[in-house]
Amino acid sequence: MKAKSILSRCRLLINILVLALALGALAASPSPTLAAGDPICEGGCVDWNAQQGCVRYQYCCVYDNGNFCCIYENQ
């Protein structure tokens, strides 16, 4: 009976270790690469009010050389 308990604990520790290694490998894996020169862009509402909702939208892009560009659009 004692051997079963020890074996069970050992399996639990091994499973936890394997899970930790898998999560670590997943976190360390490189993100998908973009073609050279493709910007990373994102946008969102930067000004709003209760009557009209979003009244100003901002859209920004960052390029692989560190330059960035933002465009503001009034709704």
PDB file of N, CA and C in Angstrom:
ATOM      1  N   MET A   1       0.823  -1.190   0.000  1.00  0.00           N
ATOM      2  CA  MET A   1       0.000   0.000   0.000  1.00  0.00           C
ATOM      3  C   MET A   1       0.869   1.256   0.000  1.00  0.00           C
ATOM      4  N   LYS A   2       1.956   1.236   0.763  1.00  0.00           N
ATOM      5  CA  LYS A   2       2.849   2.382   0.847  1.00  0.00           C
ATOM      6  C   LYS A   2       3.527   2.643  -0.505  1.00  0.00           C
ATOM      7  N   ALA A   3       3.857   1.586  -1.217  1.00  0.00           N
ATOM      8  CA  ALA A   3       4.500   1.720  -2.517  1.00  0.00           C
ATOM      9  C   ALA A   3       3.564   2.407  -3.514  1.00  0.00           C
ATOM     10  N   LYS A   4       2.272   2.098  -3.433  1.00  0.00           N
ATOM     11  CA  LYS A   4       1.292   2.751  -4.312  1.00  0.00           C
ATOM     12  C   LYS A   4       1.237   4.244  -4.053  1.00  0.00           C
ATOM     13  N   SER A   5       1.278   4.614  -2.798  1.00  0.00           N
ATOM     14  CA  SER A   5       1.224   6.025  -2.413  1.00  0.00           C
ATOM     15  C   SER A   5       2.451   6.773  -2.924  1.00  0.00           C
ATOM     16  N   ILE A   6       3.600   6.175  -2.772  1.00  0.00           N
ATOM     17  CA  ILE A   6       4.846   6.798  -3.249  1.00  0.00           C
ATOM     18  C   ILE A   6       4.826   6.913  -4.769  1.00  0.00           C
ATOM     19  N   LEU A   7       4.383   5.855  -5.454  1.00  0.00           N
ATOM     20  CA  LEU A   7       4.311   5.865  -6.909  1.00  0.00           C
ATOM     21  C   LEU A   7       3.318   6.928  -7.392  1.00  0.00           C
ATOM     22  N   SER A   8       2.202   7.053  -6.700  1.00  0.00           N
ATOM     23  CA  SER A   8       1.196   8.053  -7.056  1.00  0.00           C
ATOM     24  C   SER A   8       1.757   9.464  -6.918  1.00  0.00           C
ATOM     25  N   ARG A   9       2.470   9.724  -5.840  1.00  0.00           N
ATOM     26  CA  ARG A   9       3.083  11.045  -5.636  1.00  0.00           C
ATOM     27  C   ARG A   9       4.130  11.328  -6.696  1.00  0.00           C
ATOM     28  N   CYS A  10       4.878  10.313  -7.043  1.00  0.00           N
ATOM     29  CA  CYS A  10       5.918  10.459  -8.056  1.00  0.00           C
ATOM     30  C   CYS A  10       5.290  10.805  -9.408  1.00  0.00           C
ATOM     31  N   ARG A  11       4.199  10.142  -9.771  1.00  0.00           N
ATOM     32  CA  ARG A  11       3.513  10.437 -11.030  1.00  0.00           C
ATOM     33  C   ARG A  11       2.976  11.856 -11.033  1.00  0.00           C
ATOM     34  N   LEU A  12       2.429  12.278  -9.903  1.00  0.00           N
ATOM     35  CA  LEU A  12       1.900  13.640  -9.804  1.00  0.00           C
ATOM     36  C   LEU A  12       3.005  14.663 -10.018  1.00  0.00           C
ATOM     37  N   LEU A  13       4.150  14.460  -9.384  1.00  0.00           N
ATOM     38  CA  LEU A  13       5.274  15.391  -9.548  1.00  0.00           C
ATOM     39  C   LEU A  13       5.779  15.392 -10.987  1.00  0.00           C
ATOM     40  N   ILE A  14       5.840  14.229 -11.602  1.00  0.00           N
ATOM     41  CA  ILE A  14       6.301  14.144 -12.997  1.00  0.00           C
ATOM     42  C   ILE A  14       5.309  14.855 -13.907  1.00  0.00           C
ATOM     43  N   ASN A  15       4.008  14.651 -13.693  1.00  0.00           N
ATOM     44  CA  ASN A  15       2.995  15.327 -14.511  1.00  0.00           C
ATOM     45  C   ASN A  15       3.068  16.836 -14.358  1.00  0.00           C
ATOM     46  N   ILE A  16       3.267  17.309 -13.151  1.00  0.00           N
ATOM     47  CA  ILE A  16       3.393  18.754 -12.920  1.00  0.00           C
ATOM     48  C   ILE A  16       4.647  19.287 -13.609  1.00  0.00           C
ATOM     49  N   LEU A  17       5.733  18.550 -13.532  1.00  0.00           N
ATOM     50  CA  LEU A  17       6.975  18.972 -14.180  1.00  0.00           C
ATOM     51  C   LEU A  17       6.816  19.010 -15.704  1.00  0.00           C
ATOM     52  N   VAL A  18       6.176  18.012 -16.266  1.00  0.00           N
ATOM     53  CA  VAL A  18       5.955  17.983 -17.717  1.00  0.00           C
ATOM     54  C   VAL A  18       5.062  19.140 -18.140  1.00  0.00           C
ATOM     55  N   LEU A  19       4.018  19.426 -17.368  1.00  0.00           N
ATOM     56  CA  LEU A  19       3.143  20.555 -17.663  1.00  0.00           C
ATOM     57  C   LEU A  19       3.911  21.873 -17.598  1.00  0.00           C
ATOM     58  N   ALA A  20       4.745  22.043 -16.583  1.00  0.00           N
ATOM     59  CA  ALA A  20       5.536  23.264 -16.460  1.00  0.00           C
ATOM     60  C   ALA A  20       6.497  23.420 -17.632  1.00  0.00           C
ATOM     61  N   LEU A  21       7.131  22.332 -18.045  1.00  0.00           N
ATOM     62  CA  LEU A  21       8.040  22.395 -19.192  1.00  0.00           C
ATOM     63  C   LEU A  21       7.298  22.735 -20.476  1.00  0.00           C
ATOM     64  N   ALA A  22       6.115  22.150 -20.667  1.00  0.00           N
ATOM     65  CA  ALA A  22       5.331  22.441 -21.869  1.00  0.00           C
ATOM     66  C   ALA A  22       4.890  23.893 -21.897  1.00  0.00           C
ATOM     67  N   LEU A  23       4.428  24.408 -20.758  1.00  0.00           N
ATOM     68  CA  LEU A  23       4.021  25.811 -20.704  1.00  0.00           C
ATOM     69  C   LEU A  23       5.205  26.749 -20.901  1.00  0.00           C
ATOM     70  N   GLY A  24       6.353  26.385 -20.349  1.00  0.00           N
ATOM     71  CA  GLY A  24       7.556  27.186 -20.548  1.00  0.00           C
ATOM     72  C   GLY A  24       7.984  27.215 -22.003  1.00  0.00           C
ATOM     73  N   ALA A  25       7.917  26.068 -22.663  1.00  0.00           N
ATOM     74  CA  ALA A  25       8.281  26.019 -24.080  1.00  0.00           C
ATOM     75  C   ALA A  25       7.294  26.821 -24.923  1.00  0.00           C
ATOM     76  N   LEU A  26       6.039  26.764 -24.556  1.00  0.00           N
ATOM     77  CA  LEU A  26       5.029  27.527 -25.285  1.00  0.00           C
ATOM     78  C   LEU A  26       5.245  29.028 -25.106  1.00  0.00           C
ATOM     79  N   ALA A  27       5.584  29.450 -23.906  1.00  0.00           N
ATOM     80  CA  ALA A  27       5.803  30.870 -23.635  1.00  0.00           C
ATOM     81  C   ALA A  27       7.070  31.371 -24.321  1.00  0.00           C
ATOM     82  N   ALA A  28       8.069  30.516 -24.454  1.00  0.00           N
ATOM     83  CA  ALA A  28       9.345  30.933 -25.035  1.00  0.00           C
ATOM     84  C   ALA A  28       9.376  30.805 -26.546  1.00  0.00           C
ATOM     85  N   SER A  29       8.368  30.183 -27.140  1.00  0.00           N
ATOM     86  CA  SER A  29       8.398  30.012 -28.585  1.00  0.00           C
ATOM     87  C   SER A  29       8.230  31.357 -29.277  1.00  0.00           C
ATOM     88  N   PRO A  30       8.930  31.558 -30.368  1.00  0.00           N
ATOM     89  CA  PRO A  30       8.852  32.839 -31.060  1.00  0.00           C
ATOM     90  C   PRO A  30       7.481  33.063 -31.675  1.00  0.00           C
ATOM     91  N   SER A  31       7.091  34.317 -31.723  1.00  0.00           N
ATOM     92  CA  SER A  31       5.820  34.641 -32.356  1.00  0.00           C
ATOM     93  C   SER A  31       5.969  34.520 -33.864  1.00  0.00           C
ATOM     94  N   PRO A  32       4.862  34.372 -34.567  1.00  0.00           N
ATOM     95  CA  PRO A  32       4.960  34.270 -36.023  1.00  0.00           C
ATOM     96  C   PRO A  32       5.669  35.491 -36.601  1.00  0.00           C
ATOM     97  N   THR A  33       6.556  35.254 -37.516  1.00  0.00           N
ATOM     98  CA  THR A  33       7.319  36.354 -38.092  1.00  0.00           C
ATOM     99  C   THR A  33       6.519  37.048 -39.178  1.00  0.00           C
ATOM    100  N   LEU A  34       6.710  38.338 -39.248  1.00  0.00           N
ATOM    101  CA  LEU A  34       6.092  39.129 -40.303  1.00  0.00           C
ATOM    102  C   LEU A  34       7.076  39.273 -41.451  1.00  0.00           C
ATOM    103  N   ALA A  35       6.564  39.519 -42.604  1.00  0.00           N
ATOM    104  CA  ALA A  35       7.450  39.802 -43.732  1.00  0.00           C
ATOM    105  C   ALA A  35       8.190  41.098 -43.425  1.00  0.00           C
ATOM    106  N   ALA A  36       9.404  41.224 -43.923  1.00  0.00           N
ATOM    107  CA  ALA A  36      10.207  42.417 -43.658  1.00  0.00           C
ATOM    108  C   ALA A  36       9.449  43.667 -44.087  1.00  0.00           C
ATOM    109  N   GLY A  37       9.350  44.621 -43.187  1.00  0.00           N
ATOM    110  CA  GLY A  37       8.697  45.880 -43.501  1.00  0.00           C
ATOM    111  C   GLY A  37       7.215  45.923 -43.167  1.00  0.00           C
ATOM    112  N   ASP A  38       6.615  44.783 -42.818  1.00  0.00           N
ATOM    113  CA  ASP A  38       5.195  44.787 -42.446  1.00  0.00           C
ATOM    114  C   ASP A  38       5.023  45.446 -41.079  1.00  0.00           C
ATOM    115  N   PRO A  39       4.164  46.444 -40.986  1.00  0.00           N
ATOM    116  CA  PRO A  39       3.954  47.096 -39.689  1.00  0.00           C
ATOM    117  C   PRO A  39       3.004  46.294 -38.803  1.00  0.00           C
ATOM    118  N   ILE A  40       3.093  46.560 -37.517  1.00  0.00           N
ATOM    119  CA  ILE A  40       2.129  46.028 -36.558  1.00  0.00           C
ATOM    120  C   ILE A  40       1.215  47.192 -36.206  1.00  0.00           C
ATOM    121  N   CYS A  41      -0.078  47.050 -36.472  1.00  0.00           N
ATOM    122  CA  CYS A  41      -1.020  48.160 -36.312  1.00  0.00           C
ATOM    123  C   CYS A  41      -2.126  47.805 -35.323  1.00  0.00           C
ATOM    124  N   GLU A  42      -2.612  48.839 -34.656  1.00  0.00           N
ATOM    125  CA  GLU A  42      -3.712  48.673 -33.717  1.00  0.00           C
ATOM    126  C   GLU A  42      -4.443  49.993 -33.578  1.00  0.00           C
ATOM    127  N   GLY A  43      -5.709  49.932 -33.303  1.00  0.00           N
ATOM    128  CA  GLY A  43      -6.482  51.158 -33.169  1.00  0.00           C
ATOM    129  C   GLY A  43      -7.523  51.050 -32.081  1.00  0.00           C
ATOM    130  N   GLY A  44      -8.053  52.206 -31.704  1.00  0.00           N
ATOM    131  CA  GLY A  44      -9.094  52.226 -30.688  1.00  0.00           C
ATOM    132  C   GLY A  44      -9.623  53.620 -30.473  1.00  0.00           C
ATOM    133  N   CYS A  45     -10.713  53.701 -29.734  1.00  0.00           N
ATOM    134  CA  CYS A  45     -11.337  54.979 -29.428  1.00  0.00           C
ATOM    135  C   CYS A  45     -10.495  55.710 -28.386  1.00  0.00           C
ATOM    136  N   VAL A  46     -10.172  56.980 -28.628  1.00  0.00           N
ATOM    137  CA  VAL A  46      -9.370  57.765 -27.690  1.00  0.00           C
ATOM    138  C   VAL A  46     -10.140  58.929 -27.091  1.00  0.00           C
ATOM    139  N   ASP A  47     -11.347  59.187 -27.570  1.00  0.00           N
ATOM    140  CA  ASP A  47     -12.169  60.259 -27.009  1.00  0.00           C
ATOM    141  C   ASP A  47     -13.636  59.914 -27.228  1.00  0.00           C
ATOM    142  N   TRP A  48     -14.442  59.984 -26.201  1.00  0.00           N
ATOM    143  CA  TRP A  48     -15.850  59.644 -26.339  1.00  0.00           C
ATOM    144  C   TRP A  48     -16.659  60.461 -25.344  1.00  0.00           C
ATOM    145  N   ASN A  49     -17.958  60.516 -25.601  1.00  0.00           N
ATOM    146  CA  ASN A  49     -18.870  61.151 -24.652  1.00  0.00           C
ATOM    147  C   ASN A  49     -20.164  60.345 -24.602  1.00  0.00           C
ATOM    148  N   ALA A  50     -20.975  60.619 -23.604  1.00  0.00           N
ATOM    149  CA  ALA A  50     -22.202  59.835 -23.389  1.00  0.00           C
ATOM    150  C   ALA A  50     -23.237  60.070 -24.488  1.00  0.00           C
ATOM    151  N   GLN A  51     -23.236  61.245 -25.091  1.00  0.00           N
ATOM    152  CA  GLN A  51     -24.241  61.550 -26.112  1.00  0.00           C
ATOM    153  C   GLN A  51     -23.929  60.885 -27.455  1.00  0.00           C
ATOM    154  N   GLN A  52     -22.675  60.951 -27.903  1.00  0.00           N
ATOM    155  CA  GLN A  52     -22.312  60.481 -29.242  1.00  0.00           C
ATOM    156  C   GLN A  52     -21.519  59.171 -29.247  1.00  0.00           C
ATOM    157  N   GLY A  53     -21.038  58.747 -28.112  1.00  0.00           N
ATOM    158  CA  GLY A  53     -20.164  57.565 -28.062  1.00  0.00           C
ATOM    159  C   GLY A  53     -18.749  57.959 -28.469  1.00  0.00           C
ATOM    160  N   CYS A  54     -18.116  57.171 -29.320  1.00  0.00           N
ATOM    161  CA  CYS A  54     -16.745  57.458 -29.761  1.00  0.00           C
ATOM    162  C   CYS A  54     -16.751  58.644 -30.723  1.00  0.00           C
ATOM    163  N   VAL A  55     -16.017  59.694 -30.378  1.00  0.00           N
ATOM    164  CA  VAL A  55     -15.951  60.868 -31.253  1.00  0.00           C
ATOM    165  C   VAL A  55     -14.573  61.030 -31.903  1.00  0.00           C
ATOM    166  N   ARG A  56     -13.574  60.273 -31.430  1.00  0.00           N
ATOM    167  CA  ARG A  56     -12.234  60.329 -32.029  1.00  0.00           C
ATOM    168  C   ARG A  56     -11.587  58.958 -31.929  1.00  0.00           C
ATOM    169  N   TYR A  57     -11.117  58.465 -33.064  1.00  0.00           N
ATOM    170  CA  TYR A  57     -10.522  57.141 -33.178  1.00  0.00           C
ATOM    171  C   TYR A  57      -9.050  57.309 -33.529  1.00  0.00           C
ATOM    172  N   GLN A  58      -8.173  56.533 -32.902  1.00  0.00           N
ATOM    173  CA  GLN A  58      -6.740  56.589 -33.186  1.00  0.00           C
ATOM    174  C   GLN A  58      -6.284  55.235 -33.715  1.00  0.00           C
ATOM    175  N   TYR A  59      -5.508  55.257 -34.785  1.00  0.00           N
ATOM    176  CA  TYR A  59      -4.972  54.055 -35.404  1.00  0.00           C
ATOM    177  C   TYR A  59      -3.470  54.254 -35.539  1.00  0.00           C
ATOM    178  N   CYS A  60      -2.654  53.386 -34.907  1.00  0.00           N
ATOM    179  CA  CYS A  60      -1.196  53.532 -34.943  1.00  0.00           C
ATOM    180  C   CYS A  60      -0.537  52.270 -35.488  1.00  0.00           C
ATOM    181  N   CYS A  61       0.575  52.481 -36.194  1.00  0.00           N
ATOM    182  CA  CYS A  61       1.376  51.377 -36.727  1.00  0.00           C
ATOM    183  C   CYS A  61       2.827  51.558 -36.293  1.00  0.00           C
ATOM    184  N   VAL A  62       3.469  50.452 -35.926  1.00  0.00           N
ATOM    185  CA  VAL A  62       4.886  50.456 -35.574  1.00  0.00           C
ATOM    186  C   VAL A  62       5.613  49.598 -36.595  1.00  0.00           C
ATOM    187  N   TYR A  63       6.712  50.119 -37.111  1.00  0.00           N
ATOM    188  CA  TYR A  63       7.487  49.413 -38.129  1.00  0.00           C
ATOM    189  C   TYR A  63       8.691  48.735 -37.497  1.00  0.00           C
ATOM    190  N   ASP A  64       9.273  47.772 -38.197  1.00  0.00           N
ATOM    191  CA  ASP A  64      10.377  46.997 -37.642  1.00  0.00           C
ATOM    192  C   ASP A  64      11.635  47.819 -37.370  1.00  0.00           C
ATOM    193  N   ASN A  65      11.744  49.014 -37.939  1.00  0.00           N
ATOM    194  CA  ASN A  65      12.916  49.867 -37.684  1.00  0.00           C
ATOM    195  C   ASN A  65      12.699  50.800 -36.493  1.00  0.00           C
ATOM    196  N   GLY A  66      11.537  50.703 -35.821  1.00  0.00           N
ATOM    197  CA  GLY A  66      11.257  51.518 -34.647  1.00  0.00           C
ATOM    198  C   GLY A  66      10.408  52.745 -34.931  1.00  0.00           C
ATOM    199  N   ASN A  67      10.248  53.114 -36.193  1.00  0.00           N
ATOM    200  CA  ASN A  67       9.393  54.249 -36.543  1.00  0.00           C
ATOM    201  C   ASN A  67       7.934  53.894 -36.326  1.00  0.00           C
ATOM    202  N   PHE A  68       7.124  54.912 -36.081  1.00  0.00           N
ATOM    203  CA  PHE A  68       5.696  54.681 -35.931  1.00  0.00           C
ATOM    204  C   PHE A  68       4.913  55.799 -36.555  1.00  0.00           C
ATOM    205  N   CYS A  69       3.643  55.554 -36.814  1.00  0.00           N
ATOM    206  CA  CYS A  69       2.758  56.513 -37.443  1.00  0.00           C
ATOM    207  C   CYS A  69       1.369  56.350 -36.829  1.00  0.00           C
ATOM    208  N   CYS A  70       0.752  57.471 -36.451  1.00  0.00           N
ATOM    209  CA  CYS A  70      -0.599  57.432 -35.904  1.00  0.00           C
ATOM    210  C   CYS A  70      -1.532  58.312 -36.736  1.00  0.00           C
ATOM    211  N   ILE A  71      -2.731  57.831 -36.939  1.00  0.00           N
ATOM    212  CA  ILE A  71      -3.759  58.568 -37.686  1.00  0.00           C
ATOM    213  C   ILE A  71      -4.957  58.734 -36.765  1.00  0.00           C
ATOM    214  N   TYR A  72      -5.455  59.962 -36.684  1.00  0.00           N
ATOM    215  CA  TYR A  72      -6.640  60.242 -35.879  1.00  0.00           C
ATOM    216  C   TYR A  72      -7.811  60.495 -36.832  1.00  0.00           C
ATOM    217  N   GLU A  73      -8.950  59.968 -36.458  1.00  0.00           N
ATOM    218  CA  GLU A  73     -10.129  60.131 -37.289  1.00  0.00           C
ATOM    219  C   GLU A  73     -11.296  60.568 -36.402  1.00  0.00           C
ATOM    220  N   ASN A  74     -11.896  61.710 -36.759  1.00  0.00           N
ATOM    221  CA  ASN A  74     -13.082  62.152 -36.021  1.00  0.00           C
ATOM    222  C   ASN A  74     -14.287  61.404 -36.561  1.00  0.00           C
ATOM    223  N   GLN A  75     -15.127  60.940 -35.684  1.00  0.00           N
ATOM    224  CA  GLN A  75     -16.299  60.170 -36.087  1.00  0.00           C
ATOM    225  C   GLN A  75     -17.463  61.085 -36.413  1.00  0.00           C
TER     226      GLN A  75
END
